C-alpha atoms as a PDB file:
ATOM      1  CA  MET A   1     -23.055  43.623  88.723  1.00  0.00           C
ATOM      2  CA  SER A   2     -23.543  39.990  89.673  1.00  0.00           C
ATOM      3  CA  TYR A   3     -20.897  38.465  91.902  1.00  0.00           C
ATOM      4  CA  MET A   4     -19.999  35.435  93.977  1.00  0.00           C
ATOM      5  CA  GLU A   5     -18.394  35.335  97.410  1.00  0.00           C
ATOM      6  CA  TYR A   6     -14.975  33.718  97.787  1.00  0.00           C
ATOM      7  CA  SER A   7     -13.808  34.296 101.363  1.00  0.00           C
ATOM      8  CA  THR A   8     -14.701  36.249 104.482  1.00  0.00           C
ATOM      9  CA  TYR A   9     -12.581  38.107 107.016  1.00  0.00           C
ATOM     10  CA  VAL A  10     -14.027  39.089 110.410  1.00  0.00           C
ATOM     11  CA  ASN A  11     -12.640  40.949 113.417  1.00  0.00           C
ATOM     12  CA  GLY A  12     -15.083  42.146 116.052  1.00  0.00           C
ATOM     13  CA  ASP A  13     -17.954  43.871 114.269  1.00  0.00           C
ATOM     14  CA  LYS A  14     -15.981  44.421 111.051  1.00  0.00           C
ATOM     15  CA  ARG A  15     -16.545  42.074 108.136  1.00  0.00           C
ATOM     16  CA  ALA A  16     -15.037  41.979 104.646  1.00  0.00           C
ATOM     17  CA  ASP A  17     -16.187  39.502 101.994  1.00  0.00           C
ATOM     18  CA  VAL A  18     -13.897  38.936  99.012  1.00  0.00           C
ATOM     19  CA  VAL A  19     -16.081  38.718  95.889  1.00  0.00           C
ATOM     20  CA  ARG A  20     -15.604  38.182  92.170  1.00  0.00           C
ATOM     21  CA  SER A  21     -17.854  39.281  89.338  1.00  0.00           C
ATOM     22  CA  VAL A  22     -19.448  36.510  87.279  1.00  0.00           C
ATOM     23  CA  GLY A  23     -20.106  36.279  83.584  1.00  0.00           C
ATOM     24  CA  ASP A  24     -17.582  36.841  80.829  1.00  0.00           C
ATOM     25  CA  PRO A  25     -14.339  35.088  81.936  1.00  0.00           C
ATOM     26  CA  GLU A  26     -12.263  37.714  80.109  1.00  0.00           C
ATOM     27  CA  ASN A  27     -13.739  40.567  82.166  1.00  0.00           C
ATOM     28  CA  ARG A  28     -14.007  39.208  85.716  1.00  0.00           C
ATOM     29  CA  VAL A  29     -13.166  41.654  88.476  1.00  0.00           C
ATOM     30  CA  TRP A  30     -12.217  41.094  92.136  1.00  0.00           C
ATOM     31  CA  GLY A  31     -13.674  43.221  94.912  1.00  0.00           C
ATOM     32  CA  VAL A  32     -14.546  43.373  98.595  1.00  0.00           C
ATOM     33  CA  ARG A  33     -17.947  43.923 100.230  1.00  0.00           C
ATOM     34  CA  TYR A  34     -17.389  45.807 103.499  1.00  0.00           C
ATOM     35  CA  SER A  35     -19.615  46.054 106.567  1.00  0.00           C
ATOM     36  CA  ILE A  36     -19.479  47.137 110.202  1.00  0.00           C
ATOM     37  CA  ALA A  37     -22.004  45.844 112.735  1.00  0.00           C
ATOM     38  CA  GLU A  38     -24.350  44.570 110.006  1.00  0.00           C
ATOM     39  CA  GLU A  39     -24.268  47.961 108.195  1.00  0.00           C
ATOM     40  CA  ASN A  40     -23.314  47.422 104.568  1.00  0.00           C
ATOM     41  CA  LEU A  41     -20.675  49.959 103.473  1.00  0.00           C
ATOM     42  CA  GLY A  42     -20.668  48.832  99.856  1.00  0.00           C
ATOM     43  CA  ILE A  43     -18.362  47.002  97.488  1.00  0.00           C
ATOM     44  CA  GLU A  44     -15.050  48.284  96.218  1.00  0.00           C
ATOM     45  CA  TRP A  45     -14.129  46.770  92.852  1.00  0.00           C
ATOM     46  CA  TYR A  46     -10.431  46.386  92.039  1.00  0.00           C
ATOM     47  CA  GLU A  47     -10.178  46.282  88.252  1.00  0.00           C
ATOM     48  CA  ASP A  48      -6.924  44.847  86.923  1.00  0.00           C
ATOM     49  CA  LYS A  49      -6.012  43.541  90.411  1.00  0.00           C
ATOM     50  CA  SER A  50      -5.621  39.970  91.649  1.00  0.00           C
ATOM     51  CA  GLU A  51      -7.500  37.871  94.178  1.00  0.00           C
ATOM     52  CA  SER A  52      -4.600  38.311  96.618  1.00  0.00           C
ATOM     53  CA  TYR A  53      -4.894  42.106  96.269  1.00  0.00           C
ATOM     54  CA  ALA A  54      -8.577  41.928  97.268  1.00  0.00           C
ATOM     55  CA  GLU A  55      -7.768  39.548 100.147  1.00  0.00           C
ATOM     56  CA  SER A  56      -5.115  41.957 101.447  1.00  0.00           C
ATOM     57  CA  ALA A  57      -7.594  44.853 101.313  1.00  0.00           C
ATOM     58  CA  ALA A  58     -10.157  42.768 103.219  1.00  0.00           C
ATOM     59  CA  GLU A  59      -7.651  41.754 105.881  1.00  0.00           C
ATOM     60  CA  ASN A  60      -6.376  45.329 106.255  1.00  0.00           C
ATOM     61  CA  PHE A  61      -9.942  46.567 106.749  1.00  0.00           C
ATOM     62  CA  VAL A  62     -10.832  44.174 109.567  1.00  0.00           C
ATOM     63  CA  GLN A  63      -7.472  44.885 111.261  1.00  0.00           C
ATOM     64  CA  GLY A  64      -8.113  48.645 111.142  1.00  0.00           C
ATOM     65  CA  ILE A  65      -5.304  49.437 108.686  1.00  0.00           C
ATOM     66  CA  LYS A  66      -7.639  50.314 105.806  1.00  0.00           C
ATOM     67  CA  THR A  67      -9.805  53.210 106.993  1.00  0.00           C
ATOM     68  CA  THR A  68     -11.667  54.190 103.817  1.00  0.00           C
ATOM     69  CA  VAL A  69     -14.269  52.457 101.668  1.00  0.00           C
ATOM     70  CA  ASN A  70     -15.219  53.998  98.324  1.00  0.00           C
ATOM     71  CA  ASN A  71     -13.271  57.132  99.329  1.00  0.00           C
ATOM     72  CA  LYS A  72     -15.260  57.604 102.554  1.00  0.00           C
ATOM     73  CA  ILE A  73     -13.586  57.554 105.965  1.00  0.00           C
ATOM     74  CA  ILE A  74     -14.791  54.714 108.185  1.00  0.00           C
ATOM     75  CA  LYS A  75     -15.632  55.183 111.839  1.00  0.00           C
ATOM     76  CA  GLY A  76     -15.127  52.220 114.111  1.00  0.00           C
END
Protein backbone atom coordinates (compact mmCIF):
# COMPACT_ATOMS: atom_id res chain seq x y z
CA MET A 1 0.00 0.00 0.00
CA SER A 2 1.35 3.42 -0.90
CA TYR A 3 1.37 6.00 1.86
CA MET A 4 2.57 9.45 2.83
CA GLU A 5 4.04 10.58 6.14
CA TYR A 6 2.18 13.19 8.18
CA SER A 7 3.99 13.56 11.51
CA THR A 8 6.71 11.95 13.59
CA TYR A 9 7.00 11.25 17.30
CA VAL A 10 10.38 10.43 18.86
CA ASN A 11 11.51 9.57 22.39
CA GLY A 12 14.98 8.13 22.85
CA ASP A 13 15.43 5.36 20.29
CA LYS A 14 11.69 4.93 19.71
CA ARG A 15 10.12 6.50 16.64
CA ALA A 16 6.54 6.49 15.35
CA ASP A 17 5.58 8.05 12.01
CA VAL A 18 1.89 8.80 11.43
CA VAL A 19 1.07 7.85 7.83
CA ARG A 20 -1.95 7.91 5.54
CA SER A 21 -2.63 5.75 2.51
CA VAL A 22 -2.84 7.55 -0.83
CA GLY A 23 -5.11 6.98 -3.78
CA ASP A 24 -8.88 6.77 -3.68
CA PRO A 25 -10.07 9.57 -1.33
CA GLU A 26 -13.05 7.44 -0.25
CA ASN A 27 -10.80 4.64 1.03
CA ARG A 28 -7.87 6.40 2.73
CA VAL A 29 -6.62 4.79 5.91
CA TRP A 30 -4.50 6.19 8.77
CA GLY A 31 -1.67 4.19 10.30
CA VAL A 32 1.62 4.37 12.17
CA ARG A 33 5.05 3.08 11.11
CA TYR A 34 6.93 2.00 14.26
CA SER A 35 10.66 1.58 14.83
CA ILE A 36 13.15 1.18 17.66
CA ALA A 37 16.83 2.04 17.18
CA GLU A 38 16.49 2.10 13.38
CA GLU A 39 14.80 -1.35 13.36
CA ASN A 40 11.53 -1.13 11.46
CA LEU A 41 8.73 -2.90 13.37
CA GLY A 42 6.16 -2.41 10.63
CA ILE A 43 3.03 -0.37 10.05
CA GLU A 44 -0.24 -0.78 11.89
CA TRP A 45 -3.20 0.39 9.81
CA TYR A 46 -6.24 1.73 11.66
CA GLU A 47 -9.19 1.30 9.32
CA ASP A 48 -12.22 3.42 10.19
CA LYS A 49 -10.14 5.48 12.67
CA SER A 50 -9.17 9.15 12.57
CA GLU A 51 -5.86 10.96 12.26
CA SER A 52 -6.03 11.81 15.98
CA TYR A 53 -6.43 8.10 16.80
CA ALA A 54 -3.22 7.31 14.89
CA GLU A 55 -1.42 10.25 16.54
CA SER A 56 -2.45 8.99 19.99
CA ALA A 57 -1.15 5.50 19.17
CA ALA A 58 2.16 6.99 17.99
CA GLU A 59 2.54 9.12 21.11
CA ASN A 60 1.64 6.21 23.39
CA PHE A 61 4.28 4.05 21.70
CA VAL A 62 7.17 6.48 22.15
CA GLN A 63 6.11 7.09 25.78
CA GLY A 64 6.11 3.34 26.51
CA ILE A 65 2.35 3.05 27.06
CA LYS A 66 1.71 1.07 23.88
CA THR A 67 3.77 -2.12 24.14
CA THR A 68 2.59 -4.11 21.11
CA VAL A 69 2.89 -3.60 17.36
CA ASN A 70 0.92 -5.87 15.03
CA ASN A 71 0.08 -8.07 18.04
CA LYS A 72 3.75 -8.60 18.96
CA ILE A 73 5.15 -7.51 22.32
CA ILE A 74 7.85 -4.85 22.02
CA LYS A 75 11.07 -4.96 24.00
CA GLY A 76 12.67 -1.66 24.86
